[in-house]
Structures are given as C-alpha cells and as structure tokens.
Amino acid sequence: MTPGTWLLLVAAVLVVVHLLWTGWTLIRLRRLAGRVRRAGEVLDAALLRRAELAAALARERADVLGAPLAAGLADAATASRTPAAGDREAAENQLGRLLGRVPAGALPPELDEAAVRVGLARRFYNDAVRDTRALRRRRLTRVSRLHARRPLPRYFDIDDGLDAVLSGGPSAGS
C-alpha cells in the first residue's frame, strides 16, 4: 500500500470513530435529558406533597402551632405550590424554615417522611443535572456543538437538611 492509501485509510477510520462517538454521545445526552426531566417530575411531586401536608398541618393544628405560625405556614405552603415571582427555591426555603419552627410533638410523621423524600428527590435531580452538565462541558462535546441549542439544566438548591437525611441526623425520620 502506498502512503497516500494509508493516509486515506487512517482518515476514514478517524471519521468513523468520530461518527460513532458522536452518535453514542447524542444518545447519552438524550438519556440524561430524560433522567433530568423524570427526576424533576419526582422532585416537583415531593415538593407539592410536602406543601399539601404543611397546609393541612396549618389548618388542622392551628391551636397547637399558634396563629402567627399557622398563618405563615399556610401562606408559605400556598407560595411554594405557586411561587409568585417564579423563584421556587426561595418559596421552598421559606416553607422549610417555617416547618423547622413547628414544635416536635405537632409535626405529623407523614410530614417528616415528606421532608426526607424531598431531600432524596433533590439529590437525585441534582445528580442528574451534574452528570448532564459534566458531559456537555467536555471539550469535544462543546466543539462538536452537541445539544448547543438546549439550555443547561439548573441545580435545585434549597436548605432542606439534606446532610442530616443522608447521615441519619436528627430529622432523618425519627
């Protein structure tokens, strides 16, 4: 074989390898996008469940909570279900802070379980976002402009006591 033939053969192999890598990466990006979407749906459901339970707590146990805390809890639950300014993280943080002020005896076990589910759902969602962002930030993925028109997914960061959930701390379902 002549050197020109070898160069053509090497170039053809490189093109095939690049096409295979591109196809594999596009499939992976689509799967990660689906994973982010599904994890976001689970997170949304967990947040809505926690808000519903908090609203029910404010209605049913207003005498134990006191009027200011019950009213604040009801308002925060409503705000977390339909955030006014579109900033769900701030609304969820407000609800979480108010739930932290609820006396231990007044907190139903369902609400404690819902808080654990929120923490876990947030972790799964943020893991999916991290994996997607890591793949999309790789040099060859950026240069090839794979998924360049899709926005990068955002992390969902709230102060939900996730560290306590994962380490078995005070709010870990006891």
C-alpha atoms as a PDB file:
ATOM      1  CA  MET A   1       0.000   0.000   0.000  1.00  0.00           C
ATOM      2  CA  THR A   2       1.150   3.471  -0.801  1.00  0.00           C
ATOM      3  CA  PRO A   3       1.464   6.191   1.829  1.00  0.00           C
ATOM      4  CA  GLY A   4      -1.499   8.017   0.281  1.00  0.00           C
ATOM      5  CA  THR A   5      -3.681   4.949   0.714  1.00  0.00           C
ATOM      6  CA  TRP A   6      -2.607   4.632   4.334  1.00  0.00           C
ATOM      7  CA  LEU A   7      -3.497   8.270   4.959  1.00  0.00           C
ATOM      8  CA  LEU A   8      -6.916   7.783   3.396  1.00  0.00           C
ATOM      9  CA  LEU A   9      -7.465   4.645   5.453  1.00  0.00           C
ATOM     10  CA  VAL A  10      -6.455   6.396   8.686  1.00  0.00           C
ATOM     11  CA  ALA A  11      -8.663   9.382   7.831  1.00  0.00           C
ATOM     12  CA  ALA A  12     -11.610   7.086   7.101  1.00  0.00           C
ATOM     13  CA  VAL A  13     -11.098   5.253  10.404  1.00  0.00           C
ATOM     14  CA  LEU A  14     -10.929   8.582  12.265  1.00  0.00           C
ATOM     15  CA  VAL A  15     -14.146   9.760  10.629  1.00  0.00           C
ATOM     16  CA  VAL A  16     -15.920   6.509  11.506  1.00  0.00           C
ATOM     17  CA  VAL A  17     -14.674   6.667  15.104  1.00  0.00           C
ATOM     18  CA  HIS A  18     -15.789  10.284  15.386  1.00  0.00           C
ATOM     19  CA  LEU A  19     -19.234   9.441  13.976  1.00  0.00           C
ATOM     20  CA  LEU A  20     -19.605   6.521  16.383  1.00  0.00           C
ATOM     21  CA  TRP A  21     -18.544   8.713  19.310  1.00  0.00           C
ATOM     22  CA  THR A  22     -20.966  11.450  18.235  1.00  0.00           C
ATOM     23  CA  GLY A  23     -23.854   9.006  17.974  1.00  0.00           C
ATOM     24  CA  TRP A  24     -23.046   7.455  21.347  1.00  0.00           C
ATOM     25  CA  THR A  25     -22.731  10.891  22.975  1.00  0.00           C
ATOM     26  CA  LEU A  26     -26.017  12.106  21.487  1.00  0.00           C
ATOM     27  CA  ILE A  27     -27.787   9.012  22.809  1.00  0.00           C
ATOM     28  CA  ARG A  28     -26.229   9.579  26.222  1.00  0.00           C
ATOM     29  CA  LEU A  29     -27.232  13.256  26.201  1.00  0.00           C
ATOM     30  CA  ARG A  30     -30.822  12.325  25.338  1.00  0.00           C
ATOM     31  CA  ARG A  31     -30.912   9.759  28.123  1.00  0.00           C
ATOM     32  CA  LEU A  32     -29.510  12.272  30.582  1.00  0.00           C
ATOM     33  CA  ALA A  33     -32.090  14.854  29.484  1.00  0.00           C
ATOM     34  CA  GLY A  34     -34.801  12.281  30.133  1.00  0.00           C
ATOM     35  CA  ARG A  35     -33.268  11.475  33.502  1.00  0.00           C
ATOM     36  CA  VAL A  36     -33.257  15.173  34.443  1.00  0.00           C
ATOM     37  CA  ARG A  37     -36.877  15.515  33.319  1.00  0.00           C
ATOM     38  CA  ARG A  38     -38.050  12.466  35.268  1.00  0.00           C
ATOM     39  CA  ALA A  39     -36.082  13.457  38.378  1.00  0.00           C
ATOM     40  CA  GLY A  40     -37.563  16.955  38.108  1.00  0.00           C
ATOM     41  CA  GLU A  41     -41.068  15.494  37.990  1.00  0.00           C
ATOM     42  CA  VAL A  42     -40.386  13.383  41.081  1.00  0.00           C
ATOM     43  CA  LEU A  43     -38.915  16.400  42.869  1.00  0.00           C
ATOM     44  CA  ASP A  44     -41.931  18.505  41.932  1.00  0.00           C
ATOM     45  CA  ALA A  45     -44.295  15.826  43.235  1.00  0.00           C
ATOM     46  CA  ALA A  46     -42.351  15.559  46.506  1.00  0.00           C
ATOM     47  CA  LEU A  47     -42.388  19.344  46.956  1.00  0.00           C
ATOM     48  CA  LEU A  48     -46.114  19.517  46.247  1.00  0.00           C
ATOM     49  CA  ARG A  49     -46.789  16.703  48.709  1.00  0.00           C
ATOM     50  CA  ARG A  50     -44.795  18.491  51.407  1.00  0.00           C
ATOM     51  CA  ALA A  51     -46.676  21.739  50.711  1.00  0.00           C
ATOM     52  CA  GLU A  52     -50.053  19.959  50.900  1.00  0.00           C
ATOM     53  CA  LEU A  53     -49.126  18.343  54.200  1.00  0.00           C
ATOM     54  CA  ALA A  54     -47.874  21.673  55.560  1.00  0.00           C
ATOM     55  CA  ALA A  55     -51.132  23.382  54.562  1.00  0.00           C
ATOM     56  CA  ALA A  56     -53.112  20.592  56.222  1.00  0.00           C
ATOM     57  CA  LEU A  57     -50.987  20.955  59.350  1.00  0.00           C
ATOM     58  CA  ALA A  58     -51.660  24.693  59.434  1.00  0.00           C
ATOM     59  CA  ARG A  59     -55.409  24.099  59.089  1.00  0.00           C
ATOM     60  CA  GLU A  60     -55.793  21.201  61.481  1.00  0.00           C
ATOM     61  CA  ARG A  61     -53.306  22.093  64.216  1.00  0.00           C
ATOM     62  CA  ALA A  62     -53.585  25.904  64.303  1.00  0.00           C
ATOM     63  CA  ASP A  63     -54.351  25.779  68.031  1.00  0.00           C
ATOM     64  CA  VAL A  64     -51.082  23.960  68.790  1.00  0.00           C
ATOM     65  CA  LEU A  65     -48.975  25.989  66.368  1.00  0.00           C
ATOM     66  CA  GLY A  66     -50.319  29.388  67.297  1.00  0.00           C
ATOM     67  CA  ALA A  67     -51.994  31.810  64.930  1.00  0.00           C
ATOM     68  CA  PRO A  68     -48.856  33.518  63.527  1.00  0.00           C
ATOM     69  CA  LEU A  69     -47.044  30.262  62.746  1.00  0.00           C
ATOM     70  CA  ALA A  70     -50.177  28.613  61.332  1.00  0.00           C
ATOM     71  CA  ALA A  71     -50.878  31.603  59.091  1.00  0.00           C
ATOM     72  CA  GLY A  72     -47.258  31.795  57.986  1.00  0.00           C
ATOM     73  CA  LEU A  73     -47.198  28.081  57.288  1.00  0.00           C
ATOM     74  CA  ALA A  74     -50.404  28.281  55.236  1.00  0.00           C
ATOM     75  CA  ASP A  75     -49.046  31.230  53.247  1.00  0.00           C
ATOM     76  CA  ALA A  76     -45.691  29.533  52.675  1.00  0.00           C
ATOM     77  CA  ALA A  77     -47.405  26.321  51.541  1.00  0.00           C
ATOM     78  CA  THR A  78     -49.503  28.287  49.050  1.00  0.00           C
ATOM     79  CA  ALA A  79     -46.438  30.205  47.843  1.00  0.00           C
ATOM     80  CA  SER A  80     -44.446  27.011  47.371  1.00  0.00           C
ATOM     81  CA  ARG A  81     -47.209  25.442  45.268  1.00  0.00           C
ATOM     82  CA  THR A  82     -47.482  28.522  43.030  1.00  0.00           C
ATOM     83  CA  PRO A  83     -44.470  30.802  43.529  1.00  0.00           C
ATOM     84  CA  ALA A  84     -45.389  34.404  42.647  1.00  0.00           C
ATOM     85  CA  ALA A  85     -42.076  35.539  41.173  1.00  0.00           C
ATOM     86  CA  GLY A  86     -41.200  32.151  39.728  1.00  0.00           C
ATOM     87  CA  ASP A  87     -38.482  31.585  42.322  1.00  0.00           C
ATOM     88  CA  ARG A  88     -39.486  28.234  43.691  1.00  0.00           C
ATOM     89  CA  GLU A  89     -36.275  27.787  45.633  1.00  0.00           C
ATOM     90  CA  ALA A  90     -36.967  30.864  47.776  1.00  0.00           C
ATOM     91  CA  ALA A  91     -40.555  29.744  48.416  1.00  0.00           C
ATOM     92  CA  GLU A  92     -39.397  26.243  49.383  1.00  0.00           C
ATOM     93  CA  ASN A  93     -36.726  27.677  51.680  1.00  0.00           C
ATOM     94  CA  GLN A  94     -39.356  29.800  53.425  1.00  0.00           C
ATOM     95  CA  LEU A  95     -41.601  26.761  53.879  1.00  0.00           C
ATOM     96  CA  GLY A  96     -38.674  24.739  55.195  1.00  0.00           C
ATOM     97  CA  ARG A  97     -37.735  27.433  57.716  1.00  0.00           C
ATOM     98  CA  LEU A  98     -41.301  27.609  58.997  1.00  0.00           C
ATOM     99  CA  LEU A  99     -41.552  23.830  59.229  1.00  0.00           C
ATOM    100  CA  GLY A 100     -38.376  23.928  61.302  1.00  0.00           C
ATOM    101  CA  ARG A 101     -40.180  26.136  63.830  1.00  0.00           C
ATOM    102  CA  VAL A 102     -43.021  23.644  64.321  1.00  0.00           C
ATOM    103  CA  PRO A 103     -42.840  22.004  67.767  1.00  0.00           C
ATOM    104  CA  ALA A 104     -41.672  18.392  67.602  1.00  0.00           C
ATOM    105  CA  GLY A 105     -44.896  16.987  69.020  1.00  0.00           C
ATOM    106  CA  ALA A 106     -47.052  18.808  66.474  1.00  0.00           C
ATOM    107  CA  LEU A 107     -45.172  17.544  63.415  1.00  0.00           C
ATOM    108  CA  PRO A 108     -47.001  14.545  61.919  1.00  0.00           C
ATOM    109  CA  PRO A 109     -44.852  11.603  60.765  1.00  0.00           C
ATOM    110  CA  GLU A 110     -46.162  11.994  57.201  1.00  0.00           C
ATOM    111  CA  LEU A 111     -44.660  15.486  57.025  1.00  0.00           C
ATOM    112  CA  ASP A 112     -41.328  14.259  58.350  1.00  0.00           C
ATOM    113  CA  GLU A 113     -41.370  11.485  55.741  1.00  0.00           C
ATOM    114  CA  ALA A 114     -42.260  14.012  53.034  1.00  0.00           C
ATOM    115  CA  ALA A 115     -39.266  16.127  54.054  1.00  0.00           C
ATOM    116  CA  VAL A 116     -36.977  13.106  53.697  1.00  0.00           C
ATOM    117  CA  ARG A 117     -38.465  12.386  50.258  1.00  0.00           C
ATOM    118  CA  VAL A 118     -37.845  15.995  49.212  1.00  0.00           C
ATOM    119  CA  GLY A 119     -34.227  15.695  50.273  1.00  0.00           C
ATOM    120  CA  LEU A 120     -33.711  12.474  48.376  1.00  0.00           C
ATOM    121  CA  ALA A 121     -35.575  13.682  45.274  1.00  0.00           C
ATOM    122  CA  ARG A 122     -33.478  16.847  45.263  1.00  0.00           C
ATOM    123  CA  ARG A 123     -30.315  14.790  45.484  1.00  0.00           C
ATOM    124  CA  PHE A 124     -31.336  12.542  42.564  1.00  0.00           C
ATOM    125  CA  TYR A 125     -32.299  15.588  40.495  1.00  0.00           C
ATOM    126  CA  ASN A 126     -29.049  17.424  41.227  1.00  0.00           C
ATOM    127  CA  ASP A 127     -27.051  14.259  40.436  1.00  0.00           C
ATOM    128  CA  ALA A 128     -28.738  14.068  37.034  1.00  0.00           C
ATOM    129  CA  VAL A 129     -28.057  17.761  36.431  1.00  0.00           C
ATOM    130  CA  ARG A 130     -24.406  17.306  37.445  1.00  0.00           C
ATOM    131  CA  ASP A 131     -23.948  14.371  35.052  1.00  0.00           C
ATOM    132  CA  THR A 132     -25.592  16.266  32.189  1.00  0.00           C
ATOM    133  CA  ARG A 133     -23.542  19.403  32.758  1.00  0.00           C
ATOM    134  CA  ALA A 134     -20.321  17.391  33.019  1.00  0.00           C
ATOM    135  CA  LEU A 135     -20.921  15.657  29.685  1.00  0.00           C
ATOM    136  CA  ARG A 136     -21.948  18.864  27.950  1.00  0.00           C
ATOM    137  CA  ARG A 137     -18.871  20.711  29.216  1.00  0.00           C
ATOM    138  CA  ARG A 138     -16.392  18.228  27.794  1.00  0.00           C
ATOM    139  CA  ARG A 139     -14.181  19.764  25.147  1.00  0.00           C
ATOM    140  CA  LEU A 140     -15.144  17.522  22.230  1.00  0.00           C
ATOM    141  CA  THR A 141     -18.859  17.818  23.074  1.00  0.00           C
ATOM    142  CA  ARG A 142     -18.589  21.633  23.102  1.00  0.00           C
ATOM    143  CA  VAL A 143     -16.523  21.739  19.905  1.00  0.00           C
ATOM    144  CA  SER A 144     -18.994  19.440  18.150  1.00  0.00           C
ATOM    145  CA  ARG A 145     -21.803  21.683  19.468  1.00  0.00           C
ATOM    146  CA  LEU A 146     -23.863  18.697  20.590  1.00  0.00           C
ATOM    147  CA  HIS A 147     -27.056  19.943  22.278  1.00  0.00           C
ATOM    148  CA  ALA A 148     -25.788  23.500  21.903  1.00  0.00           C
ATOM    149  CA  ARG A 149     -29.308  24.881  21.465  1.00  0.00           C
ATOM    150  CA  ARG A 150     -30.653  23.280  24.638  1.00  0.00           C
ATOM    151  CA  PRO A 151     -30.220  25.238  27.849  1.00  0.00           C
ATOM    152  CA  LEU A 152     -28.083  23.715  30.561  1.00  0.00           C
ATOM    153  CA  PRO A 153     -30.247  22.333  33.358  1.00  0.00           C
ATOM    154  CA  ARG A 154     -30.159  24.244  36.645  1.00  0.00           C
ATOM    155  CA  TYR A 155     -29.397  22.790  40.021  1.00  0.00           C
ATOM    156  CA  PHE A 156     -32.216  22.961  42.577  1.00  0.00           C
ATOM    157  CA  ASP A 157     -30.672  24.223  45.798  1.00  0.00           C
ATOM    158  CA  ILE A 158     -32.748  24.570  48.926  1.00  0.00           C
ATOM    159  CA  ASP A 159     -31.886  24.289  52.585  1.00  0.00           C
ATOM    160  CA  ASP A 160     -33.786  21.110  53.355  1.00  0.00           C
ATOM    161  CA  GLY A 161     -31.460  19.473  55.860  1.00  0.00           C
ATOM    162  CA  LEU A 162     -30.217  17.015  53.243  1.00  0.00           C
ATOM    163  CA  ASP A 163     -26.989  16.430  55.141  1.00  0.00           C
ATOM    164  CA  ALA A 164     -28.991  15.294  58.159  1.00  0.00           C
ATOM    165  CA  VAL A 165     -31.073  12.995  55.951  1.00  0.00           C
ATOM    166  CA  LEU A 166     -28.020  11.335  54.458  1.00  0.00           C
ATOM    167  CA  SER A 167     -26.092  10.999  57.709  1.00  0.00           C
ATOM    168  CA  GLY A 168     -29.047   9.864  59.824  1.00  0.00           C
ATOM    169  CA  GLY A 169     -29.129  13.083  61.840  1.00  0.00           C
ATOM    170  CA  PRO A 170     -31.987  14.481  63.921  1.00  0.00           C
ATOM    171  CA  SER A 171     -34.520  14.913  61.103  1.00  0.00           C
ATOM    172  CA  ALA A 172     -33.866  11.556  59.438  1.00  0.00           C
ATOM    173  CA  GLY A 173     -37.241  10.004  60.138  1.00  0.00           C
ATOM    174  CA  SER A 174     -37.126   9.609  63.913  1.00  0.00           C
END
